PDB file of all heavy atoms in Angstrom:
ATOM      1  N   PHE A   1      20.460  11.086  -6.303  1.00  0.00           N
ATOM      2  CA  PHE A   1      20.890  12.087  -7.258  1.00  0.00           C
ATOM      3  C   PHE A   1      21.397  13.290  -6.473  1.00  0.00           C
ATOM      4  O   PHE A   1      20.625  14.183  -6.096  1.00  0.00           O
ATOM      5  CB  PHE A   1      19.740  12.502  -8.175  1.00  0.00           C
ATOM      6  CG  PHE A   1      19.173  11.383  -8.991  1.00  0.00           C
ATOM      7  CD1 PHE A   1      18.011  10.721  -8.582  1.00  0.00           C
ATOM      8  CD2 PHE A   1      19.781  10.980 -10.165  1.00  0.00           C
ATOM      9  CE1 PHE A   1      17.481   9.689  -9.339  1.00  0.00           C
ATOM     10  CE2 PHE A   1      19.266   9.948 -10.932  1.00  0.00           C
ATOM     11  CZ  PHE A   1      18.102   9.290 -10.511  1.00  0.00           C
ATOM     12  N   GLY A   2      22.690  13.293  -6.157  1.00  0.00           N
ATOM     13  CA  GLY A   2      23.254  14.380  -5.394  1.00  0.00           C
ATOM     14  C   GLY A   2      22.664  14.504  -4.003  1.00  0.00           C
ATOM     15  O   GLY A   2      22.566  15.605  -3.459  1.00  0.00           O
ATOM     16  N   GLY A   3      22.262  13.384  -3.411  1.00  0.00           N
ATOM     17  CA  GLY A   3      21.683  13.381  -2.084  1.00  0.00           C
ATOM     18  C   GLY A   3      20.164  13.303  -2.062  1.00  0.00           C
ATOM     19  O   GLY A   3      19.565  13.127  -0.999  1.00  0.00           O
ATOM     20  N   PHE A   4      19.520  13.401  -3.228  1.00  0.00           N
ATOM     21  CA  PHE A   4      18.053  13.343  -3.294  1.00  0.00           C
ATOM     22  C   PHE A   4      17.599  11.956  -3.747  1.00  0.00           C
ATOM     23  O   PHE A   4      18.110  11.412  -4.734  1.00  0.00           O
ATOM     24  CB  PHE A   4      17.504  14.382  -4.262  1.00  0.00           C
ATOM     25  CG  PHE A   4      16.009  14.287  -4.446  1.00  0.00           C
ATOM     26  CD1 PHE A   4      15.141  14.825  -3.503  1.00  0.00           C
ATOM     27  CD2 PHE A   4      15.477  13.648  -5.551  1.00  0.00           C
ATOM     28  CE1 PHE A   4      13.775  14.729  -3.663  1.00  0.00           C
ATOM     29  CE2 PHE A   4      14.107  13.543  -5.722  1.00  0.00           C
ATOM     30  CZ  PHE A   4      13.253  14.092  -4.775  1.00  0.00           C
ATOM     31  N   THR A   5      16.651  11.386  -3.011  1.00  0.00           N
ATOM     32  CA  THR A   5      16.045  10.118  -3.392  1.00  0.00           C
ATOM     33  C   THR A   5      14.534  10.252  -3.364  1.00  0.00           C
ATOM     34  O   THR A   5      13.971  11.006  -2.551  1.00  0.00           O
ATOM     35  CB  THR A   5      16.457   8.959  -2.457  1.00  0.00           C
ATOM     36  OG1 THR A   5      16.093   9.298  -1.104  1.00  0.00           O
ATOM     37  CG2 THR A   5      17.938   8.690  -2.535  1.00  0.00           C
ATOM     38  N   ALA A   6      13.858   9.522  -4.240  1.00  0.00           N
ATOM     39  CA  ALA A   6      12.397   9.550  -4.306  1.00  0.00           C
ATOM     40  C   ALA A   6      11.870   8.129  -4.174  1.00  0.00           C
ATOM     41  O   ALA A   6      12.557   7.156  -4.490  1.00  0.00           O
ATOM     42  CB  ALA A   6      11.932  10.167  -5.625  1.00  0.00           C
ATOM     43  N   ALA A   7      10.632   8.025  -3.688  1.00  0.00           N
ATOM     44  CA  ALA A   7       9.999   6.715  -3.534  1.00  0.00           C
ATOM     45  C   ALA A   7       8.537   6.800  -3.925  1.00  0.00           C
ATOM     46  O   ALA A   7       7.885   7.838  -3.722  1.00  0.00           O
ATOM     47  CB  ALA A   7      10.129   6.214  -2.098  1.00  0.00           C
ATOM     48  N   ALA A   8       8.015   5.714  -4.489  1.00  0.00           N
ATOM     49  CA  ALA A   8       6.602   5.601  -4.829  1.00  0.00           C
ATOM     50  C   ALA A   8       6.146   4.207  -4.436  1.00  0.00           C
ATOM     51  O   ALA A   8       6.867   3.220  -4.647  1.00  0.00           O
ATOM     52  CB  ALA A   8       6.374   5.848  -6.320  1.00  0.00           C
ATOM     53  N   GLN A   9       4.930   4.118  -3.881  1.00  0.00           N
ATOM     54  CA  GLN A   9       4.430   2.832  -3.384  1.00  0.00           C
ATOM     55  C   GLN A   9       2.944   2.693  -3.637  1.00  0.00           C
ATOM     56  O   GLN A   9       2.185   3.647  -3.469  1.00  0.00           O
ATOM     57  CB  GLN A   9       4.710   2.714  -1.885  1.00  0.00           C
ATOM     58  CG  GLN A   9       4.326   1.361  -1.278  1.00  0.00           C
ATOM     59  CD  GLN A   9       4.591   1.322   0.206  1.00  0.00           C
ATOM     60  OE1 GLN A   9       3.682   1.447   1.016  1.00  0.00           O
ATOM     61  NE2 GLN A   9       5.871   1.172   0.587  1.00  0.00           N
ATOM     62  N   VAL A  10       2.546   1.485  -4.038  1.00  0.00           N
ATOM     63  CA  VAL A  10       1.149   1.140  -4.191  1.00  0.00           C
ATOM     64  C   VAL A  10       0.879  -0.113  -3.386  1.00  0.00           C
ATOM     65  O   VAL A  10       1.618  -1.107  -3.522  1.00  0.00           O
ATOM     66  CB  VAL A  10       0.768   0.903  -5.670  1.00  0.00           C
ATOM     67  CG1 VAL A  10      -0.681   0.470  -5.793  1.00  0.00           C
ATOM     68  CG2 VAL A  10       1.016   2.153  -6.495  1.00  0.00           C
ATOM     69  N   GLY A  11      -0.143  -0.085  -2.517  1.00  0.00           N
ATOM     70  CA  GLY A  11      -0.459  -1.234  -1.679  1.00  0.00           C
ATOM     71  C   GLY A  11      -1.894  -1.674  -1.862  1.00  0.00           C
ATOM     72  O   GLY A  11      -2.806  -0.833  -1.906  1.00  0.00           O
ATOM     73  N   ALA A  12      -2.105  -2.982  -1.978  1.00  0.00           N
ATOM     74  CA  ALA A  12      -3.457  -3.507  -2.139  1.00  0.00           C
ATOM     75  C   ALA A  12      -4.153  -3.711  -0.801  1.00  0.00           C
ATOM     76  O   ALA A  12      -5.353  -3.990  -0.766  1.00  0.00           O
ATOM     77  CB  ALA A  12      -3.420  -4.835  -2.904  1.00  0.00           C
ATOM     78  N   GLY A  13      -3.425  -3.603   0.304  1.00  0.00           N
ATOM     79  CA  GLY A  13      -4.031  -3.799   1.621  1.00  0.00           C
ATOM     80  C   GLY A  13      -4.035  -5.249   2.024  1.00  0.00           C
ATOM     81  O   GLY A  13      -3.912  -6.161   1.201  1.00  0.00           O
ATOM     82  N   GLY A  14      -4.167  -5.480   3.334  1.00  0.00           N
ATOM     83  CA  GLY A  14      -4.188  -6.843   3.850  1.00  0.00           C
ATOM     84  C   GLY A  14      -5.592  -7.416   3.834  1.00  0.00           C
ATOM     85  O   GLY A  14      -6.585  -6.702   3.850  1.00  0.00           O
ATOM     86  N   ALA A  15      -5.675  -8.736   3.797  1.00  0.00           N
ATOM     87  CA  ALA A  15      -6.960  -9.414   3.809  1.00  0.00           C
ATOM     88  C   ALA A  15      -7.315  -9.804   5.230  1.00  0.00           C
ATOM     89  O   ALA A  15      -6.570  -9.593   6.170  1.00  0.00           O
ATOM     90  CB  ALA A  15      -6.917 -10.637   2.899  1.00  0.00           C
ATOM     91  N   THR A  16      -8.500 -10.398   5.386  1.00  0.00           N
ATOM     92  CA  THR A  16      -8.964 -10.775   6.708  1.00  0.00           C
ATOM     93  C   THR A  16      -8.436 -12.117   7.168  1.00  0.00           C
ATOM     94  O   THR A  16      -8.652 -12.508   8.293  1.00  0.00           O
ATOM     95  CB  THR A  16     -10.507 -10.818   6.719  1.00  0.00           C
ATOM     96  OG1 THR A  16     -10.945 -11.714   5.677  1.00  0.00           O
ATOM     97  CG2 THR A  16     -11.079  -9.438   6.446  1.00  0.00           C
ATOM     98  N   SER A  17      -7.756 -12.837   6.307  1.00  0.00           N
ATOM     99  CA  SER A  17      -7.190 -14.118   6.706  1.00  0.00           C
ATOM    100  C   SER A  17      -6.009 -14.436   5.814  1.00  0.00           C
ATOM    101  O   SER A  17      -5.757 -13.764   4.816  1.00  0.00           O
ATOM    102  CB  SER A  17      -8.240 -15.245   6.581  1.00  0.00           C
ATOM    103  OG  SER A  17      -8.511 -15.505   5.218  1.00  0.00           O
ATOM    104  N   ALA A  18      -5.294 -15.485   6.196  1.00  0.00           N
ATOM    105  CA  ALA A  18      -4.111 -15.864   5.427  1.00  0.00           C
ATOM    106  C   ALA A  18      -4.457 -16.315   4.015  1.00  0.00           C
ATOM    107  O   ALA A  18      -3.608 -16.376   3.150  1.00  0.00           O
ATOM    108  CB  ALA A  18      -3.347 -16.959   6.169  1.00  0.00           C
ATOM    109  N   SER A  19      -5.736 -16.671   3.778  1.00  0.00           N
ATOM    110  CA  SER A  19      -6.134 -17.129   2.458  1.00  0.00           C
ATOM    111  C   SER A  19      -6.359 -15.974   1.491  1.00  0.00           C
ATOM    112  O   SER A  19      -6.767 -16.170   0.365  1.00  0.00           O
ATOM    113  CB  SER A  19      -7.427 -17.962   2.555  1.00  0.00           C
ATOM    114  OG  SER A  19      -8.478 -17.169   3.088  1.00  0.00           O
ATOM    115  N   GLU A  20      -6.093 -14.731   1.983  1.00  0.00           N
ATOM    116  CA  GLU A  20      -6.219 -13.529   1.155  1.00  0.00           C
ATOM    117  C   GLU A  20      -7.656 -13.270   0.713  1.00  0.00           C
ATOM    118  O   GLU A  20      -7.900 -12.660  -0.322  1.00  0.00           O
ATOM    119  CB  GLU A  20      -5.312 -13.604  -0.082  1.00  0.00           C
ATOM    120  CG  GLU A  20      -3.848 -13.583   0.254  1.00  0.00           C
ATOM    121  CD  GLU A  20      -3.392 -12.303   0.930  1.00  0.00           C
ATOM    122  OE1 GLU A  20      -3.898 -11.240   0.570  1.00  0.00           O
ATOM    123  OE2 GLU A  20      -2.552 -12.371   1.825  1.00  0.00           O
ATOM    124  N   THR A  21      -8.640 -13.734   1.470  1.00  0.00           N
ATOM    125  CA  THR A  21     -10.006 -13.364   1.189  1.00  0.00           C
ATOM    126  C   THR A  21     -10.232 -11.924   1.606  1.00  0.00           C
ATOM    127  O   THR A  21      -9.495 -11.368   2.402  1.00  0.00           O
ATOM    128  CB  THR A  21     -10.992 -14.261   1.959  1.00  0.00           C
ATOM    129  OG1 THR A  21     -10.699 -14.174   3.364  1.00  0.00           O
ATOM    130  CG2 THR A  21     -10.873 -15.704   1.521  1.00  0.00           C
ATOM    131  N   VAL A  22     -11.268 -11.298   1.068  1.00  0.00           N
ATOM    132  CA  VAL A  22     -11.536  -9.903   1.366  1.00  0.00           C
ATOM    133  C   VAL A  22     -12.829  -9.778   2.151  1.00  0.00           C
ATOM    134  O   VAL A  22     -13.634 -10.712   2.222  1.00  0.00           O
ATOM    135  CB  VAL A  22     -11.639  -9.058   0.074  1.00  0.00           C
ATOM    136  CG1 VAL A  22     -10.318  -9.058  -0.659  1.00  0.00           C
ATOM    137  CG2 VAL A  22     -12.738  -9.583  -0.830  1.00  0.00           C
ATOM    138  N   VAL A  23     -13.035  -8.617   2.759  1.00  0.00           N
ATOM    139  CA  VAL A  23     -14.225  -8.404   3.559  1.00  0.00           C
ATOM    140  C   VAL A  23     -15.409  -8.138   2.655  1.00  0.00           C
ATOM    141  O   VAL A  23     -15.287  -7.949   1.458  1.00  0.00           O
ATOM    142  CB  VAL A  23     -14.023  -7.233   4.542  1.00  0.00           C
ATOM    143  CG1 VAL A  23     -12.903  -7.542   5.509  1.00  0.00           C
ATOM    144  CG2 VAL A  23     -13.718  -5.949   3.785  1.00  0.00           C
ATOM    145  N   THR A  24     -16.616  -8.123   3.254  1.00  0.00           N
ATOM    146  CA  THR A  24     -17.837  -7.925   2.496  1.00  0.00           C
ATOM    147  C   THR A  24     -17.763  -6.656   1.652  1.00  0.00           C
ATOM    148  O   THR A  24     -17.367  -5.601   2.116  1.00  0.00           O
ATOM    149  CB  THR A  24     -19.033  -7.824   3.458  1.00  0.00           C
ATOM    150  OG1 THR A  24     -19.069  -8.997   4.262  1.00  0.00           O
ATOM    151  CG2 THR A  24     -20.331  -7.674   2.673  1.00  0.00           C
ATOM    152  N   GLY A  25     -18.153  -6.776   0.402  1.00  0.00           N
ATOM    153  CA  GLY A  25     -18.128  -5.620  -0.496  1.00  0.00           C
ATOM    154  C   GLY A  25     -16.878  -5.550  -1.336  1.00  0.00           C
ATOM    155  O   GLY A  25     -16.739  -4.674  -2.173  1.00  0.00           O
ATOM    156  N   GLY A  26     -15.940  -6.463  -1.128  1.00  0.00           N
ATOM    157  CA  GLY A  26     -14.747  -6.516  -1.970  1.00  0.00           C
ATOM    158  C   GLY A  26     -13.630  -5.591  -1.553  1.00  0.00           C
ATOM    159  O   GLY A  26     -12.677  -5.390  -2.301  1.00  0.00           O
ATOM    160  N   ALA A  27     -13.709  -4.988  -0.361  1.00  0.00           N
ATOM    161  CA  ALA A  27     -12.662  -4.076   0.086  1.00  0.00           C
ATOM    162  C   ALA A  27     -11.667  -4.797   0.991  1.00  0.00           C
ATOM    163  O   ALA A  27     -12.048  -5.637   1.779  1.00  0.00           O
ATOM    164  CB  ALA A  27     -13.269  -2.898   0.846  1.00  0.00           C
ATOM    165  N   GLN A  28     -10.397  -4.468   0.842  1.00  0.00           N
ATOM    166  CA  GLN A  28      -9.382  -5.077   1.679  1.00  0.00           C
ATOM    167  C   GLN A  28      -9.481  -4.541   3.113  1.00  0.00           C
ATOM    168  O   GLN A  28      -9.833  -3.380   3.333  1.00  0.00           O
ATOM    169  CB  GLN A  28      -7.991  -4.793   1.114  1.00  0.00           C
ATOM    170  CG  GLN A  28      -7.745  -5.419  -0.256  1.00  0.00           C
ATOM    171  CD  GLN A  28      -7.654  -6.932  -0.183  1.00  0.00           C
ATOM    172  OE1 GLN A  28      -8.666  -7.591   0.013  1.00  0.00           O
ATOM    173  NE2 GLN A  28      -6.477  -7.476  -0.336  1.00  0.00           N
ATOM    174  N   ALA A  29      -9.150  -5.394   4.073  1.00  0.00           N
ATOM    175  CA  ALA A  29      -9.329  -5.029   5.477  1.00  0.00           C
ATOM    176  C   ALA A  29      -8.489  -3.840   5.877  1.00  0.00           C
ATOM    177  O   ALA A  29      -8.912  -3.013   6.679  1.00  0.00           O
ATOM    178  CB  ALA A  29      -8.994  -6.228   6.367  1.00  0.00           C
ATOM    179  N   GLU A  30      -7.282  -3.710   5.350  1.00  0.00           N
ATOM    180  CA  GLU A  30      -6.400  -2.614   5.736  1.00  0.00           C
ATOM    181  C   GLU A  30      -6.548  -1.391   4.834  1.00  0.00           C
ATOM    182  O   GLU A  30      -6.005  -0.340   5.132  1.00  0.00           O
ATOM    183  CB  GLU A  30      -4.946  -3.085   5.704  1.00  0.00           C
ATOM    184  CG  GLU A  30      -4.600  -4.072   6.785  1.00  0.00           C
ATOM    185  CD  GLU A  30      -3.149  -4.520   6.693  1.00  0.00           C
ATOM    186  OE1 GLU A  30      -2.385  -3.906   5.908  1.00  0.00           O
ATOM    187  OE2 GLU A  30      -2.784  -5.478   7.376  1.00  0.00           O
ATOM    188  N   GLY A  31      -7.240  -1.518   3.735  1.00  0.00           N
ATOM    189  CA  GLY A  31      -7.387  -0.398   2.823  1.00  0.00           C
ATOM    190  C   GLY A  31      -6.298  -0.363   1.764  1.00  0.00           C
ATOM    191  O   GLY A  31      -5.154  -0.763   2.003  1.00  0.00           O
ATOM    192  N   LYS A  32      -6.657   0.122   0.592  1.00  0.00           N
ATOM    193  CA  LYS A  32      -5.689   0.269  -0.485  1.00  0.00           C
ATOM    194  C   LYS A  32      -4.938   1.585  -0.304  1.00  0.00           C
ATOM    195  O   LYS A  32      -5.532   2.595   0.031  1.00  0.00           O
ATOM    196  CB  LYS A  32      -6.409   0.231  -1.822  1.00  0.00           C
ATOM    197  CG  LYS A  32      -7.170  -1.067  -2.060  1.00  0.00           C
ATOM    198  CD  LYS A  32      -7.967  -1.013  -3.348  1.00  0.00           C
ATOM    199  CE  LYS A  32      -8.744  -2.304  -3.549  1.00  0.00           C
ATOM    200  NZ  LYS A  32      -9.551  -2.285  -4.802  1.00  0.00           N
ATOM    201  N   SER A  33      -3.639   1.567  -0.553  1.00  0.00           N
ATOM    202  CA  SER A  33      -2.821   2.736  -0.249  1.00  0.00           C
ATOM    203  C   SER A  33      -1.975   3.155  -1.443  1.00  0.00           C
ATOM    204  O   SER A  33      -1.640   2.350  -2.312  1.00  0.00           O
ATOM    205  CB  SER A  33      -1.913   2.475   0.955  1.00  0.00           C
ATOM    206  OG  SER A  33      -0.978   1.445   0.659  1.00  0.00           O
ATOM    207  N   PHE A  34      -1.641   4.455  -1.430  1.00  0.00           N
ATOM    208  CA  PHE A  34      -0.744   5.024  -2.423  1.00  0.00           C
ATOM    209  C   PHE A  34       0.123   6.070  -1.739  1.00  0.00           C
ATOM    210  O   PHE A  34      -0.401   6.904  -0.983  1.00  0.00           O
ATOM    211  CB  PHE A  34      -1.528   5.676  -3.568  1.00  0.00           C
ATOM    212  CG  PHE A  34      -0.663   6.458  -4.520  1.00  0.00           C
ATOM    213  CD1 PHE A  34       0.159   5.802  -5.423  1.00  0.00           C
ATOM    214  CD2 PHE A  34      -0.663   7.847  -4.500  1.00  0.00           C
ATOM    215  CE1 PHE A  34       0.969   6.514  -6.292  1.00  0.00           C
ATOM    216  CE2 PHE A  34       0.136   8.570  -5.373  1.00  0.00           C
ATOM    217  CZ  PHE A  34       0.959   7.900  -6.268  1.00  0.00           C
ATOM    218  N   GLY A  35       1.425   6.012  -1.965  1.00  0.00           N
ATOM    219  CA  GLY A  35       2.312   6.955  -1.281  1.00  0.00           C
ATOM    220  C   GLY A  35       3.462   7.431  -2.150  1.00  0.00           C
ATOM    221  O   GLY A  35       3.924   6.709  -3.038  1.00  0.00           O
ATOM    222  N   LEU A  36       3.886   8.675  -1.875  1.00  0.00           N
ATOM    223  CA  LEU A  36       5.026   9.278  -2.557  1.00  0.00           C
ATOM    224  C   LEU A  36       5.898   9.983  -1.532  1.00  0.00           C
ATOM    225  O   LEU A  36       5.391  10.496  -0.531  1.00  0.00           O
ATOM    226  CB  LEU A  36       4.573  10.304  -3.602  1.00  0.00           C
ATOM    227  CG  LEU A  36       3.799   9.809  -4.820  1.00  0.00           C
ATOM    228  CD1 LEU A  36       3.248  11.000  -5.588  1.00  0.00           C
ATOM    229  CD2 LEU A  36       4.693   8.969  -5.719  1.00  0.00           C
ATOM    230  N   SER A  37       7.186  10.030  -1.779  1.00  0.00           N
ATOM    231  CA  SER A  37       8.081  10.782  -0.882  1.00  0.00           C
ATOM    232  C   SER A  37       9.328  11.218  -1.627  1.00  0.00           C
ATOM    233  O   SER A  37       9.720  10.607  -2.628  1.00  0.00           O
ATOM    234  CB  SER A  37       8.485   9.950   0.337  1.00  0.00           C
ATOM    235  OG  SER A  37       9.382   8.914  -0.025  1.00  0.00           O
ATOM    236  N   GLY A  38       9.930  12.280  -1.110  1.00  0.00           N
ATOM    237  CA  GLY A  38      11.229  12.740  -1.585  1.00  0.00           C
ATOM    238  C   GLY A  38      12.060  13.165  -0.390  1.00  0.00           C
ATOM    239  O   GLY A  38      11.558  13.896   0.477  1.00  0.00           O
ATOM    240  N   ILE A  39      13.289  12.699  -0.309  1.00  0.00           N
ATOM    241  CA  ILE A  39      14.176  13.034   0.807  1.00  0.00           C
ATOM    242  C   ILE A  39      15.506  13.509   0.266  1.00  0.00           C
ATOM    243  O   ILE A  39      16.106  12.868  -0.610  1.00  0.00           O
ATOM    244  CB  ILE A  39      14.402  11.821   1.745  1.00  0.00           C
ATOM    245  CG1 ILE A  39      13.090  11.360   2.377  1.00  0.00           C
ATOM    246  CG2 ILE A  39      15.410  12.161   2.836  1.00  0.00           C
ATOM    247  CD1 ILE A  39      13.242  10.158   3.288  1.00  0.00           C
ATOM    248  N   TYR A  40      15.961  14.658   0.781  1.00  0.00           N
ATOM    249  CA  TYR A  40      17.282  15.171   0.460  1.00  0.00           C
ATOM    250  C   TYR A  40      18.159  15.046   1.694  1.00  0.00           C
ATOM    251  O   TYR A  40      17.816  15.555   2.756  1.00  0.00           O
ATOM    252  CB  TYR A  40      17.211  16.629   0.012  1.00  0.00           C
ATOM    253  CG  TYR A  40      18.573  17.247  -0.231  1.00  0.00           C
ATOM    254  CD1 TYR A  40      19.264  17.003  -1.413  1.00  0.00           C
ATOM    255  CD2 TYR A  40      19.177  18.043   0.738  1.00  0.00           C
ATOM    256  CE1 TYR A  40      20.523  17.556  -1.634  1.00  0.00           C
ATOM    257  CE2 TYR A  40      20.431  18.606   0.525  1.00  0.00           C
ATOM    258  CZ  TYR A  40      21.095  18.346  -0.658  1.00  0.00           C
ATOM    259  OH  TYR A  40      22.347  18.885  -0.872  1.00  0.00           O
TER     260      TYR A  40
END
């Protein structure tokens, strides 16, 4: 928009193996993430 762009992201995090299992306690190995940005 006239040179301005915005982004939003939600991440569930990576698991401990390719089978997408989670670590003890139900938390993802990499952590759940949320991000926002604006660039002009």
